[in-house]
Full PDB file with SEQRES, HELIX, SHEET, SSBOND, CRYST1, ORIGX, SCALE, CONECT and MASTER records, all heavy atoms in Angstrom:
SEQRES   1 A   33  GLY VAL ASP GLU THR ARG PRO LEU ASP PHE HIS SER PRO          
SEQRES   2 A   33  TYR GLY CYS SER LYS GLY THR ALA ASP GLN TYR VAL ARG          
SEQRES   3 A   33  ASP TYR ALA ARG THR PHE GLY                                  
HELIX    1 AA1 SER A   12  PHE A   32  1                                  21    
CRYST1    1.000    1.000    1.000  90.00  90.00  90.00 P 1           1          
ORIGX1      1.000000  0.000000  0.000000        0.00000                         
ORIGX2      0.000000  1.000000  0.000000        0.00000                         
ORIGX3      0.000000  0.000000  1.000000        0.00000                         
SCALE1      1.000000  0.000000  0.000000        0.00000                         
SCALE2      0.000000  1.000000  0.000000        0.00000                         
SCALE3      0.000000  0.000000  1.000000        0.00000                         
ATOM      1  N   GLY A   1       0.794  -1.199   0.003  1.00  0.00           N  
ATOM      2  CA  GLY A   1      -0.002  -0.002  -0.010  1.00  0.00           C  
ATOM      3  C   GLY A   1       0.844   1.258   0.003  1.00  0.00           C  
ATOM      4  O   GLY A   1       2.079   1.220  -0.006  1.00  0.00           O  
ATOM      5  N   VAL A   2       0.161   2.384   0.011  1.00  0.00           N  
ATOM      6  CA  VAL A   2       0.802   3.696  -0.016  1.00  0.00           C  
ATOM      7  C   VAL A   2       1.115   4.097   1.413  1.00  0.00           C  
ATOM      8  O   VAL A   2       0.232   4.125   2.283  1.00  0.00           O  
ATOM      9  CB  VAL A   2      -0.138   4.733  -0.679  1.00  0.00           C  
ATOM     10  CG1 VAL A   2       0.476   6.126  -0.591  1.00  0.00           C  
ATOM     11  CG2 VAL A   2      -0.415   4.334  -2.126  1.00  0.00           C  
ATOM     12  N   ASP A   3       2.384   4.437   1.665  1.00  0.00           N  
ATOM     13  CA  ASP A   3       2.740   4.876   3.029  1.00  0.00           C  
ATOM     14  C   ASP A   3       2.888   6.374   3.094  1.00  0.00           C  
ATOM     15  O   ASP A   3       2.707   7.095   2.081  1.00  0.00           O  
ATOM     16  CB  ASP A   3       3.995   4.150   3.547  1.00  0.00           C  
ATOM     17  CG  ASP A   3       5.276   4.556   2.821  1.00  0.00           C  
ATOM     18  OD1 ASP A   3       5.312   5.613   2.160  1.00  0.00           O  
ATOM     19  OD2 ASP A   3       6.270   3.809   2.948  1.00  0.00           O  
ATOM     20  N   GLU A   4       3.214   6.868   4.265  1.00  0.00           N  
ATOM     21  CA  GLU A   4       3.217   8.321   4.520  1.00  0.00           C  
ATOM     22  C   GLU A   4       4.408   9.051   3.893  1.00  0.00           C  
ATOM     23  O   GLU A   4       4.445  10.293   3.895  1.00  0.00           O  
ATOM     24  CB  GLU A   4       3.178   8.588   6.019  1.00  0.00           C  
ATOM     25  CG  GLU A   4       1.919   8.109   6.715  1.00  0.00           C  
ATOM     26  CD  GLU A   4       1.921   6.630   7.058  1.00  0.00           C  
ATOM     27  OE1 GLU A   4       2.945   5.914   6.756  1.00  0.00           O  
ATOM     28  OE2 GLU A   4       0.922   6.139   7.620  1.00  0.00           O  
ATOM     29  N   THR A   5       5.370   8.315   3.350  1.00  0.00           N  
ATOM     30  CA  THR A   5       6.502   8.965   2.663  1.00  0.00           C  
ATOM     31  C   THR A   5       6.153   9.349   1.216  1.00  0.00           C  
ATOM     32  O   THR A   5       6.914  10.061   0.555  1.00  0.00           O  
ATOM     33  CB  THR A   5       7.745   8.062   2.647  1.00  0.00           C  
ATOM     34  OG1 THR A   5       7.463   6.888   1.873  1.00  0.00           O  
ATOM     35  CG2 THR A   5       8.132   7.670   4.082  1.00  0.00           C  
ATOM     36  N   ARG A   6       4.999   8.887   0.753  1.00  0.00           N  
ATOM     37  CA  ARG A   6       4.563   9.239  -0.596  1.00  0.00           C  
ATOM     38  C   ARG A   6       4.419  10.751  -0.726  1.00  0.00           C  
ATOM     39  O   ARG A   6       3.779  11.413   0.113  1.00  0.00           O  
ATOM     40  CB  ARG A   6       3.203   8.567  -0.874  1.00  0.00           C  
ATOM     41  CG  ARG A   6       2.525   9.028  -2.160  1.00  0.00           C  
ATOM     42  CD  ARG A   6       3.035   8.318  -3.377  1.00  0.00           C  
ATOM     43  NE  ARG A   6       2.528   8.906  -4.601  1.00  0.00           N  
ATOM     44  CZ  ARG A   6       2.732   8.427  -5.819  1.00  0.00           C  
ATOM     45  NH1 ARG A   6       3.416   7.292  -5.953  1.00  0.00           N  
ATOM     46  NH2 ARG A   6       2.259   9.025  -6.873  1.00  0.00           N  
ATOM     47  N   PRO A   7       5.002  11.386  -1.765  1.00  0.00           N  
ATOM     48  CA  PRO A   7       4.872  12.846  -1.915  1.00  0.00           C  
ATOM     49  C   PRO A   7       3.409  13.258  -2.065  1.00  0.00           C  
ATOM     50  O   PRO A   7       2.608  12.572  -2.705  1.00  0.00           O  
ATOM     51  CB  PRO A   7       5.654  13.118  -3.195  1.00  0.00           C  
ATOM     52  CG  PRO A   7       6.618  11.991  -3.325  1.00  0.00           C  
ATOM     53  CD  PRO A   7       5.912  10.805  -2.770  1.00  0.00           C  
ATOM     54  N   LEU A   8       3.075  14.390  -1.457  1.00  0.00           N  
ATOM     55  CA  LEU A   8       1.729  14.928  -1.574  1.00  0.00           C  
ATOM     56  C   LEU A   8       1.544  15.511  -2.991  1.00  0.00           C  
ATOM     57  O   LEU A   8       2.454  16.123  -3.532  1.00  0.00           O  
ATOM     58  CB  LEU A   8       1.482  16.010  -0.522  1.00  0.00           C  
ATOM     59  CG  LEU A   8       1.654  15.558   0.931  1.00  0.00           C  
ATOM     60  CD1 LEU A   8       1.344  16.718   1.865  1.00  0.00           C  
ATOM     61  CD2 LEU A   8       0.774  14.366   1.244  1.00  0.00           C  
ATOM     62  N   ASP A   9       0.352  15.337  -3.544  1.00  0.00           N  
ATOM     63  CA  ASP A   9       0.066  15.788  -4.886  1.00  0.00           C  
ATOM     64  C   ASP A   9      -1.430  15.991  -5.000  1.00  0.00           C  
ATOM     65  O   ASP A   9      -2.175  15.120  -5.424  1.00  0.00           O  
ATOM     66  CB  ASP A   9       0.542  14.753  -5.907  1.00  0.00           C  
ATOM     67  CG  ASP A   9       0.403  15.238  -7.345  1.00  0.00           C  
ATOM     68  OD1 ASP A   9       0.244  16.443  -7.566  1.00  0.00           O  
ATOM     69  OD2 ASP A   9       0.426  14.375  -8.250  1.00  0.00           O  
ATOM     70  N   PHE A  10      -1.899  17.170  -4.593  1.00  0.00           N  
ATOM     71  CA  PHE A  10      -3.331  17.411  -4.456  1.00  0.00           C  
ATOM     72  C   PHE A  10      -3.985  17.468  -5.840  1.00  0.00           C  
ATOM     73  O   PHE A  10      -3.594  18.257  -6.689  1.00  0.00           O  
ATOM     74  CB  PHE A  10      -3.615  18.739  -3.742  1.00  0.00           C  
ATOM     75  CG  PHE A  10      -2.912  18.869  -2.414  1.00  0.00           C  
ATOM     76  CD1 PHE A  10      -2.687  20.122  -1.872  1.00  0.00           C  
ATOM     77  CD2 PHE A  10      -2.505  17.771  -1.695  1.00  0.00           C  
ATOM     78  CE1 PHE A  10      -2.077  20.285  -0.631  1.00  0.00           C  
ATOM     79  CE2 PHE A  10      -1.875  17.912  -0.471  1.00  0.00           C  
ATOM     80  CZ  PHE A  10      -1.669  19.170   0.070  1.00  0.00           C  
ATOM     81  N   HIS A  11      -5.020  16.619  -6.020  1.00  0.00           N  
ATOM     82  CA  HIS A  11      -5.813  16.644  -7.265  1.00  0.00           C  
ATOM     83  C   HIS A  11      -7.248  16.978  -6.896  1.00  0.00           C  
ATOM     84  O   HIS A  11      -7.764  16.522  -5.902  1.00  0.00           O  
ATOM     85  CB  HIS A  11      -5.792  15.247  -7.929  1.00  0.00           C  
ATOM     86  CG  HIS A  11      -4.559  14.997  -8.719  1.00  0.00           C  
ATOM     87  ND1 HIS A  11      -4.537  14.200  -9.835  1.00  0.00           N  
ATOM     88  CD2 HIS A  11      -3.275  15.404  -8.550  1.00  0.00           C  
ATOM     89  CE1 HIS A  11      -3.312  14.121 -10.329  1.00  0.00           C  
ATOM     90  NE2 HIS A  11      -2.516  14.844  -9.544  1.00  0.00           N  
ATOM     91  N   SER A  12      -7.902  17.777  -7.758  1.00  0.00           N  
ATOM     92  CA  SER A  12      -9.261  18.259  -7.610  1.00  0.00           C  
ATOM     93  C   SER A  12      -9.334  19.313  -6.529  1.00  0.00           C  
ATOM     94  O   SER A  12      -8.497  19.352  -5.614  1.00  0.00           O  
ATOM     95  CB  SER A  12     -10.240  17.111  -7.291  1.00  0.00           C  
ATOM     96  OG  SER A  12     -10.185  16.743  -5.918  1.00  0.00           O  
ATOM     97  N   PRO A  13     -10.314  20.206  -6.595  1.00  0.00           N  
ATOM     98  CA  PRO A  13     -10.481  21.194  -5.530  1.00  0.00           C  
ATOM     99  C   PRO A  13     -10.633  20.544  -4.153  1.00  0.00           C  
ATOM    100  O   PRO A  13     -10.096  21.036  -3.173  1.00  0.00           O  
ATOM    101  CB  PRO A  13     -11.754  21.936  -5.930  1.00  0.00           C  
ATOM    102  CG  PRO A  13     -11.794  21.819  -7.418  1.00  0.00           C  
ATOM    103  CD  PRO A  13     -11.251  20.454  -7.724  1.00  0.00           C  
ATOM    104  N   TYR A  14     -11.333  19.403  -4.105  1.00  0.00           N  
ATOM    105  CA  TYR A  14     -11.467  18.690  -2.828  1.00  0.00           C  
ATOM    106  C   TYR A  14     -10.102  18.260  -2.295  1.00  0.00           C  
ATOM    107  O   TYR A  14      -9.796  18.455  -1.097  1.00  0.00           O  
ATOM    108  CB  TYR A  14     -12.364  17.469  -3.025  1.00  0.00           C  
ATOM    109  CG  TYR A  14     -12.419  16.551  -1.818  1.00  0.00           C  
ATOM    110  CD1 TYR A  14     -13.128  16.881  -0.677  1.00  0.00           C  
ATOM    111  CD2 TYR A  14     -11.747  15.340  -1.837  1.00  0.00           C  
ATOM    112  CE1 TYR A  14     -13.176  16.049   0.419  1.00  0.00           C  
ATOM    113  CE2 TYR A  14     -11.765  14.474  -0.770  1.00  0.00           C  
ATOM    114  CZ  TYR A  14     -12.492  14.835   0.377  1.00  0.00           C  
ATOM    115  OH  TYR A  14     -12.535  14.013   1.467  1.00  0.00           O  
ATOM    116  N   GLY A  15      -9.275  17.669  -3.138  1.00  0.00           N  
ATOM    117  CA  GLY A  15      -7.929  17.294  -2.714  1.00  0.00           C  
ATOM    118  C   GLY A  15      -7.133  18.482  -2.234  1.00  0.00           C  
ATOM    119  O   GLY A  15      -6.390  18.407  -1.240  1.00  0.00           O  
ATOM    120  N   CYS A  16      -7.285  19.624  -2.908  1.00  0.00           N  
ATOM    121  CA  CYS A  16      -6.570  20.845  -2.512  1.00  0.00           C  
ATOM    122  C   CYS A  16      -7.032  21.379  -1.161  1.00  0.00           C  
ATOM    123  O   CYS A  16      -6.215  21.757  -0.319  1.00  0.00           O  
ATOM    124  CB  CYS A  16      -6.715  21.914  -3.566  1.00  0.00           C  
ATOM    125  SG  CYS A  16      -5.872  21.562  -5.128  1.00  0.00           S  
ATOM    126  N   SER A  17      -8.350  21.395  -0.948  1.00  0.00           N  
ATOM    127  CA  SER A  17      -8.861  21.951   0.297  1.00  0.00           C  
ATOM    128  C   SER A  17      -8.544  21.040   1.501  1.00  0.00           C  
ATOM    129  O   SER A  17      -8.123  21.528   2.541  1.00  0.00           O  
ATOM    130  CB  SER A  17     -10.375  22.203   0.209  1.00  0.00           C  
ATOM    131  OG  SER A  17     -11.093  20.990   0.062  1.00  0.00           O  
ATOM    132  N   LYS A  18      -8.725  19.744   1.311  1.00  0.00           N  
ATOM    133  CA  LYS A  18      -8.389  18.827   2.404  1.00  0.00           C  
ATOM    134  C   LYS A  18      -6.884  18.768   2.624  1.00  0.00           C  
ATOM    135  O   LYS A  18      -6.416  18.658   3.762  1.00  0.00           O  
ATOM    136  CB  LYS A  18      -8.951  17.440   2.107  1.00  0.00           C  
ATOM    137  CG  LYS A  18     -10.458  17.330   2.155  1.00  0.00           C  
ATOM    138  CD  LYS A  18     -11.014  17.536   3.565  1.00  0.00           C  
ATOM    139  CE  LYS A  18     -10.783  16.342   4.455  1.00  0.00           C  
ATOM    140  NZ  LYS A  18     -11.469  16.483   5.763  1.00  0.00           N  
ATOM    141  N   GLY A  19      -6.132  18.833   1.557  1.00  0.00           N  
ATOM    142  CA  GLY A  19      -4.665  18.842   1.686  1.00  0.00           C  
ATOM    143  C   GLY A  19      -4.169  20.074   2.405  1.00  0.00           C  
ATOM    144  O   GLY A  19      -3.230  20.028   3.220  1.00  0.00           O  
ATOM    145  N   THR A  20      -4.787  21.237   2.096  1.00  0.00           N  
ATOM    146  CA  THR A  20      -4.450  22.460   2.801  1.00  0.00           C  
ATOM    147  C   THR A  20      -4.700  22.314   4.314  1.00  0.00           C  
ATOM    148  O   THR A  20      -3.852  22.648   5.138  1.00  0.00           O  
ATOM    149  CB  THR A  20      -5.270  23.624   2.245  1.00  0.00           C  
ATOM    150  OG1 THR A  20      -4.938  23.814   0.873  1.00  0.00           O  
ATOM    151  CG2 THR A  20      -4.998  24.917   3.024  1.00  0.00           C  
ATOM    152  N   ALA A  21      -5.882  21.801   4.646  1.00  0.00           N  
ATOM    153  CA  ALA A  21      -6.213  21.586   6.061  1.00  0.00           C  
ATOM    154  C   ALA A  21      -5.253  20.615   6.717  1.00  0.00           C  
ATOM    155  O   ALA A  21      -4.786  20.837   7.844  1.00  0.00           O  
ATOM    156  CB  ALA A  21      -7.658  21.090   6.167  1.00  0.00           C  
ATOM    157  N   ASP A  22      -4.947  19.532   6.025  1.00  0.00           N  
ATOM    158  CA  ASP A  22      -4.014  18.506   6.493  1.00  0.00           C  
ATOM    159  C   ASP A  22      -2.685  19.149   6.896  1.00  0.00           C  
ATOM    160  O   ASP A  22      -2.146  18.917   8.000  1.00  0.00           O  
ATOM    161  CB  ASP A  22      -3.819  17.511   5.344  1.00  0.00           C  
ATOM    162  CG  ASP A  22      -2.801  16.410   5.558  1.00  0.00           C  
ATOM    163  OD1 ASP A  22      -1.697  16.690   6.016  1.00  0.00           O  
ATOM    164  OD2 ASP A  22      -3.127  15.244   5.238  1.00  0.00           O  
ATOM    165  N   GLN A  23      -2.164  19.993   6.042  1.00  0.00           N  
ATOM    166  CA  GLN A  23      -0.870  20.613   6.305  1.00  0.00           C  
ATOM    167  C   GLN A  23      -0.923  21.669   7.402  1.00  0.00           C  
ATOM    168  O   GLN A  23       0.010  21.822   8.197  1.00  0.00           O  
ATOM    169  CB  GLN A  23      -0.291  21.193   5.023  1.00  0.00           C  
ATOM    170  CG  GLN A  23       0.080  20.130   4.000  1.00  0.00           C  
ATOM    171  CD  GLN A  23       1.128  19.166   4.545  1.00  0.00           C  
ATOM    172  OE1 GLN A  23       2.313  19.489   4.619  1.00  0.00           O  
ATOM    173  NE2 GLN A  23       0.680  17.964   4.944  1.00  0.00           N  
ATOM    174  N   TYR A  24      -2.035  22.393   7.455  1.00  0.00           N  
ATOM    175  CA  TYR A  24      -2.193  23.363   8.554  1.00  0.00           C  
ATOM    176  C   TYR A  24      -2.239  22.658   9.907  1.00  0.00           C  
ATOM    177  O   TYR A  24      -1.630  23.106  10.893  1.00  0.00           O  
ATOM    178  CB  TYR A  24      -3.490  24.176   8.362  1.00  0.00           C  
ATOM    179  CG  TYR A  24      -3.268  25.516   7.729  1.00  0.00           C  
ATOM    180  CD1 TYR A  24      -3.578  25.721   6.386  1.00  0.00           C  
ATOM    181  CD2 TYR A  24      -2.770  26.595   8.460  1.00  0.00           C  
ATOM    182  CE1 TYR A  24      -3.390  26.945   5.790  1.00  0.00           C  
ATOM    183  CE2 TYR A  24      -2.570  27.820   7.867  1.00  0.00           C  
ATOM    184  CZ  TYR A  24      -2.886  28.004   6.523  1.00  0.00           C  
ATOM    185  OH  TYR A  24      -2.693  29.232   5.928  1.00  0.00           O  
ATOM    186  N   VAL A  25      -2.968  21.529   9.982  1.00  0.00           N  
ATOM    187  CA  VAL A  25      -3.049  20.800  11.240  1.00  0.00           C  
ATOM    188  C   VAL A  25      -1.694  20.324  11.673  1.00  0.00           C  
ATOM    189  O   VAL A  25      -1.304  20.423  12.869  1.00  0.00           O  
ATOM    190  CB  VAL A  25      -4.058  19.631  11.106  1.00  0.00           C  
ATOM    191  CG1 VAL A  25      -3.991  18.721  12.330  1.00  0.00           C  
ATOM    192  CG2 VAL A  25      -5.478  20.159  10.924  1.00  0.00           C  
ATOM    193  N   ARG A  26      -0.906  19.800  10.760  1.00  0.00           N  
ATOM    194  CA  ARG A  26       0.447  19.332  11.111  1.00  0.00           C  
ATOM    195  C   ARG A  26       1.324  20.515  11.500  1.00  0.00           C  
ATOM    196  O   ARG A  26       2.115  20.442  12.461  1.00  0.00           O  
ATOM    197  CB  ARG A  26       1.067  18.597   9.938  1.00  0.00           C  
ATOM    198  CG  ARG A  26       0.382  17.294   9.609  1.00  0.00           C  
ATOM    199  CD  ARG A  26       1.216  16.466   8.636  1.00  0.00           C  
ATOM    200  NE  ARG A  26       2.442  16.023   9.299  1.00  0.00           N  
ATOM    201  CZ  ARG A  26       3.557  15.644   8.640  1.00  0.00           C  
ATOM    202  NH1 ARG A  26       3.598  15.724   7.315  1.00  0.00           N  
ATOM    203  NH2 ARG A  26       4.594  15.226   9.288  1.00  0.00           N  
ATOM    204  N   ASP A  27       1.211  21.621  10.779  1.00  0.00           N  
ATOM    205  CA  ASP A  27       2.091  22.754  11.063  1.00  0.00           C  
ATOM    206  C   ASP A  27       1.775  23.439  12.393  1.00  0.00           C  
ATOM    207  O   ASP A  27       2.660  23.969  13.053  1.00  0.00           O  
ATOM    208  CB  ASP A  27       2.044  23.778   9.932  1.00  0.00           C  
ATOM    209  CG  ASP A  27       3.107  24.853  10.126  1.00  0.00           C  
ATOM    210  OD1 ASP A  27       4.296  24.515  10.002  1.00  0.00           O  
ATOM    211  OD2 ASP A  27       2.735  26.005  10.469  1.00  0.00           O  
ATOM    212  N   TYR A  28       0.492  23.419  12.816  1.00  0.00           N  
ATOM    213  CA  TYR A  28       0.148  24.030  14.084  1.00  0.00           C  
ATOM    214  C   TYR A  28       0.730  23.238  15.252  1.00  0.00           C  
ATOM    215  O   TYR A  28       0.933  23.778  16.344  1.00  0.00           O  
ATOM    216  CB  TYR A  28      -1.349  24.209  14.233  1.00  0.00           C  
ATOM    217  CG  TYR A  28      -1.832  25.581  13.767  1.00  0.00           C  
ATOM    218  CD1 TYR A  28      -1.545  26.020  12.468  1.00  0.00           C  
ATOM    219  CD2 TYR A  28      -2.538  26.412  14.613  1.00  0.00           C  
ATOM    220  CE1 TYR A  28      -1.983  27.269  12.041  1.00  0.00           C  
ATOM    221  CE2 TYR A  28      -2.973  27.668  14.192  1.00  0.00           C  
ATOM    222  CZ  TYR A  28      -2.688  28.104  12.905  1.00  0.00           C  
ATOM    223  OH  TYR A  28      -3.100  29.335  12.496  1.00  0.00           O  
ATOM    224  N   ALA A  29       1.023  21.968  15.045  1.00  0.00           N  
ATOM    225  CA  ALA A  29       1.757  21.210  16.049  1.00  0.00           C  
ATOM    226  C   ALA A  29       3.227  21.660  16.042  1.00  0.00           C  
ATOM    227  O   ALA A  29       3.822  21.890  17.104  1.00  0.00           O  
ATOM    228  CB  ALA A  29       1.671  19.718  15.753  1.00  0.00           C  
ATOM    229  N   ARG A  30       3.800  21.819  14.875  1.00  0.00           N  
ATOM    230  CA  ARG A  30       5.200  22.192  14.748  1.00  0.00           C  
ATOM    231  C   ARG A  30       5.455  23.628  15.163  1.00  0.00           C  
ATOM    232  O   ARG A  30       6.393  23.914  15.913  1.00  0.00           O  
ATOM    233  CB  ARG A  30       5.636  21.974  13.287  1.00  0.00           C  
ATOM    234  CG  ARG A  30       7.059  22.396  12.976  1.00  0.00           C  
ATOM    235  CD  ARG A  30       7.458  21.943  11.593  1.00  0.00           C  
ATOM    236  NE  ARG A  30       6.461  22.339  10.592  1.00  0.00           N  
ATOM    237  CZ  ARG A  30       5.935  21.535   9.690  1.00  0.00           C  
ATOM    238  NH1 ARG A  30       6.305  20.250   9.650  1.00  0.00           N  
ATOM    239  NH2 ARG A  30       5.065  21.973   8.816  1.00  0.00           N  
ATOM    240  N   THR A  31       4.622  24.548  14.710  1.00  0.00           N  
ATOM    241  CA  THR A  31       4.874  25.970  14.901  1.00  0.00           C  
ATOM    242  C   THR A  31       4.354  26.514  16.236  1.00  0.00           C  
ATOM    243  O   THR A  31       5.001  27.309  16.892  1.00  0.00           O  
ATOM    244  CB  THR A  31       4.249  26.785  13.746  1.00  0.00           C  
ATOM    245  OG1 THR A  31       4.830  26.337  12.519  1.00  0.00           O  
ATOM    246  CG2 THR A  31       4.502  28.276  13.914  1.00  0.00           C  
ATOM    247  N   PHE A  32       3.160  26.029  16.620  1.00  0.00           N  
ATOM    248  CA  PHE A  32       2.504  26.588  17.807  1.00  0.00           C  
ATOM    249  C   PHE A  32       2.398  25.600  18.973  1.00  0.00           C  
ATOM    250  O   PHE A  32       1.901  25.986  20.037  1.00  0.00           O  
ATOM    251  CB  PHE A  32       1.114  27.103  17.450  1.00  0.00           C  
ATOM    252  CG  PHE A  32       1.130  28.194  16.398  1.00  0.00           C  
ATOM    253  CD1 PHE A  32       0.557  27.993  15.156  1.00  0.00           C  
ATOM    254  CD2 PHE A  32       1.712  29.425  16.664  1.00  0.00           C  
ATOM    255  CE1 PHE A  32       0.577  28.976  14.191  1.00  0.00           C  
ATOM    256  CE2 PHE A  32       1.723  30.416  15.713  1.00  0.00           C  
ATOM    257  CZ  PHE A  32       1.158  30.205  14.466  1.00  0.00           C  
ATOM    258  N   GLY A  33       2.851  24.381  18.776  1.00  0.00           N  
ATOM    259  CA  GLY A  33       2.869  23.423  19.904  1.00  0.00           C  
ATOM    260  C   GLY A  33       1.537  22.785  20.205  1.00  0.00           C  
ATOM    261  O   GLY A  33       1.400  22.169  21.270  1.00  0.00           O  
TER     262      GLY A  33                                                      
MASTER        0    0    0    1    0    0    0    6  261    1    0    3          
END                                                                             
């Protein structure tokens, strides 16, 4: 199967919006704790 090392590649507006949220959630852990 596909693991988490697979590069992100957002397809469709849905993929873009969920991908944006995905990265914000991860970054708020990194940047704001």
